[in-house]
């Protein structure tokens, strides 16, 4: 798919949403592990700056949209307005309602311009989220993943459920549907999601030219290893 996108100039936007600890990061890492960062670009925006708060809401997301031959993966997206911003009171009810009203039209225009837009919601159970949060609390290698916002999100489980239902009801359209990924088993979720994603993109195999390893040019040969002696090497403690 990557080679097809490069050759044809396709533009693809992939949106991943879901509760905290639903596994968005894991799926995105699996998706982008063996691809070119020149083609695949992951966008995970921080909280908006004062300048960005004064802009049209969708503006800062549009700035990251793909050019020809690029695939942009949003780790959370403009749907923050229907999720965390709405639940945590970072926007008004009127702002959320207007967002849900206009976003289907905006996404229709995105697709009308030729961009392939795919939206995935990772659905995780109450028990699984609690287990993953507990794992983060007790594992020094994972504690960095846990923020005060996560703790509050855990307390507001049902508020997030209502926000999810409202978002899906308003924006799960025929031209831009939400694809729900059962994410309690994170490994199955990754395989299922990537398999589904590939099936949604009309890519075709791109024939690669045969590559022959060239012989080394000996015209200016010298003892290049000897020139490295006496330099500052990292101590070889392993291997």
Foldseek 3Di string as FASTA:
>chain_A
DLVQQQVVQAWEEEEEAEAQPLQLVVLVCVLPVPDDCVAEPEDEDDPDDPVCVPDDLQVVQVVPGDTGSHYYYYPHHSCCLLAVCVLVVVDDPVVSVVCLQCVQVVVVVVVVVRYHYAYEYRDEDLVLLVVSVVVLVPDPVRVVSDDPSNVVCNVVVVSRVVSVVVSQVRRCDPVYHYHYFHRSPPVVSSVVVSVVVVVSDPGDDDDDDDDDDDDDDCPPDDDPVVVCPPDDDDDCPDD
